[in-house]
């Protein structure tokens, strides 16, 4: 896994986990 890709993934996924809405399904799965 590329380090830059991993950082980009975290930058996009982590805020989606903490914002309410359908995006929480992605975090719960």
Protein backbone atom coordinates (compact mmCIF):
# COMPACT_ATOMS: atom_id res chain seq x y z
CA UNK A 1 0.00 0.00 0.00
CA UNK A 2 1.37 3.39 -0.97
CA UNK A 3 1.82 5.74 1.98
CA UNK A 4 0.37 8.68 0.05
CA UNK A 5 -2.70 6.65 -0.88
CA UNK A 6 -3.15 5.56 2.73
CA UNK A 7 -3.02 9.15 3.97
CA UNK A 8 -5.49 10.25 1.30
CA UNK A 9 -7.81 7.40 2.31
CA UNK A 10 -7.73 8.46 5.97
CA UNK A 11 -8.30 12.11 5.07
CA UNK A 12 -11.49 11.21 3.19
CA UNK A 13 -12.80 8.31 5.32
CA UNK A 14 -12.31 9.67 8.84
CA UNK A 15 -14.42 12.85 8.36
CA UNK A 16 -17.16 10.76 6.72
CA UNK A 17 -17.25 8.57 9.83
CA UNK A 18 -17.81 11.52 12.16
CA UNK A 19 -20.39 13.34 10.02
CA UNK A 20 -24.00 12.12 10.48
CA UNK A 21 -25.73 10.65 7.46
CA UNK A 22 -25.59 7.61 5.13
CA UNK A 23 -21.79 7.79 5.13
CA UNK A 24 -21.81 6.21 8.60
CA UNK A 25 -22.86 2.92 6.99
CA UNK A 26 -19.45 2.81 5.28
CA UNK A 27 -17.72 3.23 8.64
CA UNK A 28 -19.89 0.66 10.45
CA UNK A 29 -19.33 -1.98 7.77
